[in-house]
ModelCIF file with pLDDT and N, C-alpha, C, O atoms, coordinates in Angstrom:
data_MODEL
#
_entry.id   MODEL 
#
_entity.id                         1 
_entity.type                       polymer 
_entity.pdbx_number_of_molecules   1 
#
_entity_poly.entity_id                      1 
_entity_poly.type                           'polypeptide(L)' 
_entity_poly.nstd_linkage                   no 
_entity_poly.nstd_monomer                   no 
_entity_poly.pdbx_seq_one_letter_code       RTVAAVRALERRAGLPVDGVAGAGVRRALGRL 
_entity_poly.pdbx_seq_one_letter_code_can   RTVAAVRALERRAGLPVDGVAGAGVRRALGRL 
_entity_poly.pdbx_strand_id                 A 
#
loop_
_entity_poly_seq.entity_id 
_entity_poly_seq.num 
_entity_poly_seq.mon_id 
_entity_poly_seq.hetero 
1 1  ARG n 
1 2  THR n 
1 3  VAL n 
1 4  ALA n 
1 5  ALA n 
1 6  VAL n 
1 7  ARG n 
1 8  ALA n 
1 9  LEU n 
1 10 GLU n 
1 11 ARG n 
1 12 ARG n 
1 13 ALA n 
1 14 GLY n 
1 15 LEU n 
1 16 PRO n 
1 17 VAL n 
1 18 ASP n 
1 19 GLY n 
1 20 VAL n 
1 21 ALA n 
1 22 GLY n 
1 23 ALA n 
1 24 GLY n 
1 25 VAL n 
1 26 ARG n 
1 27 ARG n 
1 28 ALA n 
1 29 LEU n 
1 30 GLY n 
1 31 ARG n 
1 32 LEU n 
#
_struct_asym.id          A 
_struct_asym.entity_id   1 
#
loop_
_ma_qa_metric.id 
_ma_qa_metric.mode 
_ma_qa_metric.name 
_ma_qa_metric.software_group_id 
_ma_qa_metric.type 
1 global pLDDT . pLDDT 
2 local  pLDDT . pLDDT 
#
_ma_qa_metric_global.metric_id      1 
_ma_qa_metric_global.metric_value   96.31 
_ma_qa_metric_global.model_id       1 
_ma_qa_metric_global.ordinal_id     1 
#
loop_
_ma_qa_metric_local.label_asym_id 
_ma_qa_metric_local.label_comp_id 
_ma_qa_metric_local.label_seq_id 
_ma_qa_metric_local.metric_id 
_ma_qa_metric_local.metric_value 
_ma_qa_metric_local.model_id 
_ma_qa_metric_local.ordinal_id 
A ARG 1  2 96.00 1 1  
A THR 2  2 97.00 1 2  
A VAL 3  2 96.00 1 3  
A ALA 4  2 97.00 1 4  
A ALA 5  2 97.00 1 5  
A VAL 6  2 98.00 1 6  
A ARG 7  2 97.00 1 7  
A ALA 8  2 97.00 1 8  
A LEU 9  2 98.00 1 9  
A GLU 10 2 97.00 1 10 
A ARG 11 2 97.00 1 11 
A ARG 12 2 96.00 1 12 
A ALA 13 2 96.00 1 13 
A GLY 14 2 97.00 1 14 
A LEU 15 2 97.00 1 15 
A PRO 16 2 96.00 1 16 
A VAL 17 2 96.00 1 17 
A ASP 18 2 95.00 1 18 
A GLY 19 2 94.00 1 19 
A VAL 20 2 93.00 1 20 
A ALA 21 2 94.00 1 21 
A GLY 22 2 94.00 1 22 
A ALA 23 2 95.00 1 23 
A GLY 24 2 96.00 1 24 
A VAL 25 2 97.00 1 25 
A ARG 26 2 96.00 1 26 
A ARG 27 2 96.00 1 27 
A ALA 28 2 97.00 1 28 
A LEU 29 2 98.00 1 29 
A GLY 30 2 97.00 1 30 
A ARG 31 2 97.00 1 31 
A LEU 32 2 98.00 1 32 
#
loop_
_atom_site.group_PDB 
_atom_site.id 
_atom_site.type_symbol 
_atom_site.label_atom_id 
_atom_site.label_alt_id 
_atom_site.label_comp_id 
_atom_site.label_asym_id 
_atom_site.label_entity_id 
_atom_site.label_seq_id 
_atom_site.pdbx_PDB_ins_code 
_atom_site.Cartn_x 
_atom_site.Cartn_y 
_atom_site.Cartn_z 
_atom_site.occupancy 
_atom_site.B_iso_or_equiv 
_atom_site.pdbx_formal_charge 
_atom_site.auth_seq_id 
_atom_site.auth_comp_id 
_atom_site.auth_asym_id 
_atom_site.auth_atom_id 
_atom_site.pdbx_PDB_model_num 
ATOM 1   N N  . ARG A 1 1  ? 114.636 36.246 320.543 1.00 96.00 ? 1  ARG A N  1 
ATOM 2   C CA . ARG A 1 1  ? 114.529 37.411 321.404 1.00 96.00 ? 1  ARG A CA 1 
ATOM 3   C C  . ARG A 1 1  ? 115.180 39.050 320.616 1.00 96.00 ? 1  ARG A C  1 
ATOM 4   O O  . ARG A 1 1  ? 114.658 40.164 320.664 1.00 96.00 ? 1  ARG A O  1 
ATOM 5   N N  . THR A 1 2  ? 116.432 38.634 319.961 1.00 97.00 ? 2  THR A N  1 
ATOM 6   C CA . THR A 1 2  ? 116.917 39.768 319.333 1.00 97.00 ? 2  THR A CA 1 
ATOM 7   C C  . THR A 1 2  ? 115.997 40.504 318.341 1.00 97.00 ? 2  THR A C  1 
ATOM 8   O O  . THR A 1 2  ? 115.879 41.725 318.446 1.00 97.00 ? 2  THR A O  1 
ATOM 9   N N  . VAL A 1 3  ? 115.365 39.852 317.422 1.00 96.00 ? 3  VAL A N  1 
ATOM 10  C CA . VAL A 1 3  ? 114.368 40.200 316.193 1.00 96.00 ? 3  VAL A CA 1 
ATOM 11  C C  . VAL A 1 3  ? 113.439 40.712 317.186 1.00 96.00 ? 3  VAL A C  1 
ATOM 12  O O  . VAL A 1 3  ? 113.527 41.939 317.232 1.00 96.00 ? 3  VAL A O  1 
ATOM 13  N N  . ALA A 1 4  ? 112.696 40.305 317.892 1.00 97.00 ? 4  ALA A N  1 
ATOM 14  C CA . ALA A 1 4  ? 111.581 40.600 318.909 1.00 97.00 ? 4  ALA A CA 1 
ATOM 15  C C  . ALA A 1 4  ? 112.051 41.967 319.393 1.00 97.00 ? 4  ALA A C  1 
ATOM 16  O O  . ALA A 1 4  ? 111.118 42.756 319.250 1.00 97.00 ? 4  ALA A O  1 
ATOM 17  N N  . ALA A 1 5  ? 113.158 42.579 319.925 1.00 97.00 ? 5  ALA A N  1 
ATOM 18  C CA . ALA A 1 5  ? 113.757 43.660 320.569 1.00 97.00 ? 5  ALA A CA 1 
ATOM 19  C C  . ALA A 1 5  ? 113.819 44.626 319.314 1.00 97.00 ? 5  ALA A C  1 
ATOM 20  O O  . ALA A 1 5  ? 113.561 45.817 319.492 1.00 97.00 ? 5  ALA A O  1 
ATOM 21  N N  . VAL A 1 6  ? 114.083 44.256 318.304 1.00 98.00 ? 6  VAL A N  1 
ATOM 22  C CA . VAL A 1 6  ? 114.404 44.991 317.026 1.00 98.00 ? 6  VAL A CA 1 
ATOM 23  C C  . VAL A 1 6  ? 113.027 45.747 316.771 1.00 98.00 ? 6  VAL A C  1 
ATOM 24  O O  . VAL A 1 6  ? 112.938 46.974 316.727 1.00 98.00 ? 6  VAL A O  1 
ATOM 25  N N  . ARG A 1 7  ? 111.814 44.738 316.585 1.00 97.00 ? 7  ARG A N  1 
ATOM 26  C CA . ARG A 1 7  ? 110.487 44.979 316.194 1.00 97.00 ? 7  ARG A CA 1 
ATOM 27  C C  . ARG A 1 7  ? 110.075 45.971 317.341 1.00 97.00 ? 7  ARG A C  1 
ATOM 28  O O  . ARG A 1 7  ? 109.259 46.872 317.144 1.00 97.00 ? 7  ARG A O  1 
ATOM 29  N N  . ALA A 1 8  ? 110.599 45.785 318.378 1.00 97.00 ? 8  ALA A N  1 
ATOM 30  C CA . ALA A 1 8  ? 109.779 46.631 319.615 1.00 97.00 ? 8  ALA A CA 1 
ATOM 31  C C  . ALA A 1 8  ? 110.214 48.060 319.633 1.00 97.00 ? 8  ALA A C  1 
ATOM 32  O O  . ALA A 1 8  ? 109.490 49.007 319.941 1.00 97.00 ? 8  ALA A O  1 
ATOM 33  N N  . LEU A 1 9  ? 111.839 48.142 319.166 1.00 98.00 ? 9  LEU A N  1 
ATOM 34  C CA . LEU A 1 9  ? 112.452 49.460 318.875 1.00 98.00 ? 9  LEU A CA 1 
ATOM 35  C C  . LEU A 1 9  ? 111.736 50.424 317.687 1.00 98.00 ? 9  LEU A C  1 
ATOM 36  O O  . LEU A 1 9  ? 111.414 51.612 317.679 1.00 98.00 ? 9  LEU A O  1 
ATOM 37  N N  . GLU A 1 10 ? 111.655 49.498 316.831 1.00 97.00 ? 10 GLU A N  1 
ATOM 38  C CA . GLU A 1 10 ? 111.078 50.176 315.498 1.00 97.00 ? 10 GLU A CA 1 
ATOM 39  C C  . GLU A 1 10 ? 109.508 50.666 315.932 1.00 97.00 ? 10 GLU A C  1 
ATOM 40  O O  . GLU A 1 10 ? 109.145 51.757 315.493 1.00 97.00 ? 10 GLU A O  1 
ATOM 41  N N  . ARG A 1 11 ? 108.592 49.912 316.760 1.00 97.00 ? 11 ARG A N  1 
ATOM 42  C CA . ARG A 1 11 ? 107.302 50.353 317.100 1.00 97.00 ? 11 ARG A CA 1 
ATOM 43  C C  . ARG A 1 11 ? 107.427 51.688 317.988 1.00 97.00 ? 11 ARG A C  1 
ATOM 44  O O  . ARG A 1 11 ? 106.589 52.590 317.953 1.00 97.00 ? 11 ARG A O  1 
ATOM 45  N N  . ARG A 1 12 ? 108.503 51.697 318.734 1.00 96.00 ? 12 ARG A N  1 
ATOM 46  C CA . ARG A 1 12 ? 108.596 53.322 319.664 1.00 96.00 ? 12 ARG A CA 1 
ATOM 47  C C  . ARG A 1 12 ? 109.173 54.101 319.068 1.00 96.00 ? 12 ARG A C  1 
ATOM 48  O O  . ARG A 1 12 ? 109.133 55.239 319.534 1.00 96.00 ? 12 ARG A O  1 
ATOM 49  N N  . ALA A 1 13 ? 109.945 53.894 317.825 1.00 96.00 ? 13 ALA A N  1 
ATOM 50  C CA . ALA A 1 13 ? 110.882 55.032 317.280 1.00 96.00 ? 13 ALA A CA 1 
ATOM 51  C C  . ALA A 1 13 ? 109.721 55.331 316.090 1.00 96.00 ? 13 ALA A C  1 
ATOM 52  O O  . ALA A 1 13 ? 110.003 56.341 315.444 1.00 96.00 ? 13 ALA A O  1 
ATOM 53  N N  . GLY A 1 14 ? 108.512 54.684 315.680 1.00 97.00 ? 14 GLY A N  1 
ATOM 54  C CA . GLY A 1 14 ? 107.825 55.043 314.702 1.00 97.00 ? 14 GLY A CA 1 
ATOM 55  C C  . GLY A 1 14 ? 108.289 54.546 313.374 1.00 97.00 ? 14 GLY A C  1 
ATOM 56  O O  . GLY A 1 14 ? 107.938 55.151 312.361 1.00 97.00 ? 14 GLY A O  1 
ATOM 57  N N  . LEU A 1 15 ? 109.137 53.369 313.291 1.00 97.00 ? 15 LEU A N  1 
ATOM 58  C CA . LEU A 1 15 ? 109.842 52.835 312.172 1.00 97.00 ? 15 LEU A CA 1 
ATOM 59  C C  . LEU A 1 15 ? 108.822 51.537 311.502 1.00 97.00 ? 15 LEU A C  1 
ATOM 60  O O  . LEU A 1 15 ? 108.109 50.823 312.207 1.00 97.00 ? 15 LEU A O  1 
ATOM 61  N N  . PRO A 1 16 ? 108.909 51.453 310.376 1.00 96.00 ? 16 PRO A N  1 
ATOM 62  C CA . PRO A 1 16 ? 108.156 50.197 309.643 1.00 96.00 ? 16 PRO A CA 1 
ATOM 63  C C  . PRO A 1 16 ? 108.771 48.885 310.717 1.00 96.00 ? 16 PRO A C  1 
ATOM 64  O O  . PRO A 1 16 ? 109.905 48.490 310.988 1.00 96.00 ? 16 PRO A O  1 
ATOM 65  N N  . VAL A 1 17 ? 107.628 48.547 311.067 1.00 96.00 ? 17 VAL A N  1 
ATOM 66  C CA . VAL A 1 17 ? 108.220 47.197 311.605 1.00 96.00 ? 17 VAL A CA 1 
ATOM 67  C C  . VAL A 1 17 ? 108.389 46.099 310.710 1.00 96.00 ? 17 VAL A C  1 
ATOM 68  O O  . VAL A 1 17 ? 107.574 45.603 309.932 1.00 96.00 ? 17 VAL A O  1 
ATOM 69  N N  . ASP A 1 18 ? 109.799 45.743 310.986 1.00 95.00 ? 18 ASP A N  1 
ATOM 70  C CA . ASP A 1 18 ? 110.116 44.479 309.855 1.00 95.00 ? 18 ASP A CA 1 
ATOM 71  C C  . ASP A 1 18 ? 111.224 43.660 310.683 1.00 95.00 ? 18 ASP A C  1 
ATOM 72  O O  . ASP A 1 18 ? 111.729 42.612 310.281 1.00 95.00 ? 18 ASP A O  1 
ATOM 73  N N  . GLY A 1 19 ? 111.513 44.268 311.847 1.00 94.00 ? 19 GLY A N  1 
ATOM 74  C CA . GLY A 1 19 ? 112.779 43.201 312.555 1.00 94.00 ? 19 GLY A CA 1 
ATOM 75  C C  . GLY A 1 19 ? 113.752 43.334 311.865 1.00 94.00 ? 19 GLY A C  1 
ATOM 76  O O  . GLY A 1 19 ? 114.360 42.267 311.784 1.00 94.00 ? 19 GLY A O  1 
ATOM 77  N N  . VAL A 1 20 ? 114.236 44.180 311.285 1.00 93.00 ? 20 VAL A N  1 
ATOM 78  C CA . VAL A 1 20 ? 115.595 44.445 310.453 1.00 93.00 ? 20 VAL A CA 1 
ATOM 79  C C  . VAL A 1 20 ? 116.383 45.627 310.807 1.00 93.00 ? 20 VAL A C  1 
ATOM 80  O O  . VAL A 1 20 ? 115.952 46.779 310.756 1.00 93.00 ? 20 VAL A O  1 
ATOM 81  N N  . ALA A 1 21 ? 117.685 45.245 311.208 1.00 94.00 ? 21 ALA A N  1 
ATOM 82  C CA . ALA A 1 21 ? 118.391 46.494 311.880 1.00 94.00 ? 21 ALA A CA 1 
ATOM 83  C C  . ALA A 1 21 ? 118.868 47.449 310.937 1.00 94.00 ? 21 ALA A C  1 
ATOM 84  O O  . ALA A 1 21 ? 120.043 47.757 311.135 1.00 94.00 ? 21 ALA A O  1 
ATOM 85  N N  . GLY A 1 22 ? 118.299 48.033 309.938 1.00 94.00 ? 22 GLY A N  1 
ATOM 86  C CA . GLY A 1 22 ? 118.667 48.953 309.190 1.00 94.00 ? 22 GLY A CA 1 
ATOM 87  C C  . GLY A 1 22 ? 119.416 50.148 309.743 1.00 94.00 ? 22 GLY A C  1 
ATOM 88  O O  . GLY A 1 22 ? 120.130 50.123 310.745 1.00 94.00 ? 22 GLY A O  1 
ATOM 89  N N  . ALA A 1 23 ? 119.132 51.357 308.856 1.00 95.00 ? 23 ALA A N  1 
ATOM 90  C CA . ALA A 1 23 ? 119.738 52.595 308.903 1.00 95.00 ? 23 ALA A CA 1 
ATOM 91  C C  . ALA A 1 23 ? 118.945 53.161 309.873 1.00 95.00 ? 23 ALA A C  1 
ATOM 92  O O  . ALA A 1 23 ? 119.518 53.884 310.688 1.00 95.00 ? 23 ALA A O  1 
ATOM 93  N N  . GLY A 1 24 ? 117.528 52.967 309.991 1.00 96.00 ? 24 GLY A N  1 
ATOM 94  C CA . GLY A 1 24 ? 116.749 53.763 310.940 1.00 96.00 ? 24 GLY A CA 1 
ATOM 95  C C  . GLY A 1 24 ? 116.645 53.163 312.454 1.00 96.00 ? 24 GLY A C  1 
ATOM 96  O O  . GLY A 1 24 ? 116.206 53.877 313.357 1.00 96.00 ? 24 GLY A O  1 
ATOM 97  N N  . VAL A 1 25 ? 117.008 52.012 312.660 1.00 97.00 ? 25 VAL A N  1 
ATOM 98  C CA . VAL A 1 25 ? 117.236 51.199 313.867 1.00 97.00 ? 25 VAL A CA 1 
ATOM 99  C C  . VAL A 1 25 ? 118.595 51.554 314.288 1.00 97.00 ? 25 VAL A C  1 
ATOM 100 O O  . VAL A 1 25 ? 118.908 51.595 315.478 1.00 97.00 ? 25 VAL A O  1 
ATOM 101 N N  . ARG A 1 26 ? 119.415 51.816 313.321 1.00 96.00 ? 26 ARG A N  1 
ATOM 102 C CA . ARG A 1 26 ? 120.940 52.115 313.999 1.00 96.00 ? 26 ARG A CA 1 
ATOM 103 C C  . ARG A 1 26 ? 120.874 53.721 314.412 1.00 96.00 ? 26 ARG A C  1 
ATOM 104 O O  . ARG A 1 26 ? 121.793 54.094 315.141 1.00 96.00 ? 26 ARG A O  1 
ATOM 105 N N  . ARG A 1 27 ? 120.013 54.586 314.076 1.00 96.00 ? 27 ARG A N  1 
ATOM 106 C CA . ARG A 1 27 ? 119.695 56.141 314.431 1.00 96.00 ? 27 ARG A CA 1 
ATOM 107 C C  . ARG A 1 27 ? 118.956 56.149 315.579 1.00 96.00 ? 27 ARG A C  1 
ATOM 108 O O  . ARG A 1 27 ? 119.269 57.027 316.383 1.00 96.00 ? 27 ARG A O  1 
ATOM 109 N N  . ALA A 1 28 ? 117.846 55.239 315.953 1.00 97.00 ? 28 ALA A N  1 
ATOM 110 C CA . ALA A 1 28 ? 117.427 55.115 316.883 1.00 97.00 ? 28 ALA A CA 1 
ATOM 111 C C  . ALA A 1 28 ? 117.716 54.660 318.134 1.00 97.00 ? 28 ALA A C  1 
ATOM 112 O O  . ALA A 1 28 ? 117.042 54.829 319.151 1.00 97.00 ? 28 ALA A O  1 
ATOM 113 N N  . LEU A 1 29 ? 119.013 53.925 317.985 1.00 98.00 ? 29 LEU A N  1 
ATOM 114 C CA . LEU A 1 29 ? 119.961 53.397 319.047 1.00 98.00 ? 29 LEU A CA 1 
ATOM 115 C C  . LEU A 1 29 ? 120.843 54.589 319.624 1.00 98.00 ? 29 LEU A C  1 
ATOM 116 O O  . LEU A 1 29 ? 121.362 54.523 320.738 1.00 98.00 ? 29 LEU A O  1 
ATOM 117 N N  . GLY A 1 30 ? 120.978 55.743 318.732 1.00 97.00 ? 30 GLY A N  1 
ATOM 118 C CA . GLY A 1 30 ? 121.789 56.643 319.383 1.00 97.00 ? 30 GLY A CA 1 
ATOM 119 C C  . GLY A 1 30 ? 123.453 56.551 319.565 1.00 97.00 ? 30 GLY A C  1 
ATOM 120 O O  . GLY A 1 30 ? 124.058 56.187 318.557 1.00 97.00 ? 30 GLY A O  1 
ATOM 121 N N  . ARG A 1 31 ? 123.868 56.707 320.190 1.00 97.00 ? 31 ARG A N  1 
ATOM 122 C CA . ARG A 1 31 ? 125.365 56.623 320.022 1.00 97.00 ? 31 ARG A CA 1 
ATOM 123 C C  . ARG A 1 31 ? 126.015 54.906 320.200 1.00 97.00 ? 31 ARG A C  1 
ATOM 124 O O  . ARG A 1 31 ? 127.068 54.420 319.787 1.00 97.00 ? 31 ARG A O  1 
ATOM 125 N N  . LEU A 1 32 ? 125.040 54.384 320.878 1.00 98.00 ? 32 LEU A N  1 
ATOM 126 C CA . LEU A 1 32 ? 125.421 52.950 320.602 1.00 98.00 ? 32 LEU A CA 1 
ATOM 127 C C  . LEU A 1 32 ? 125.191 52.601 319.391 1.00 98.00 ? 32 LEU A C  1 
ATOM 128 O O  . LEU A 1 32 ? 125.452 51.457 319.017 1.00 98.00 ? 32 LEU A O  1 
#
């Protein structure tokens, strides 16, 4: 479920969809 949520965020943010919580995902998460 966590991996699926990361992938959903990547799609929403226009990032490569690989399920990896890298720097782009961290930026897309904002202050959290």
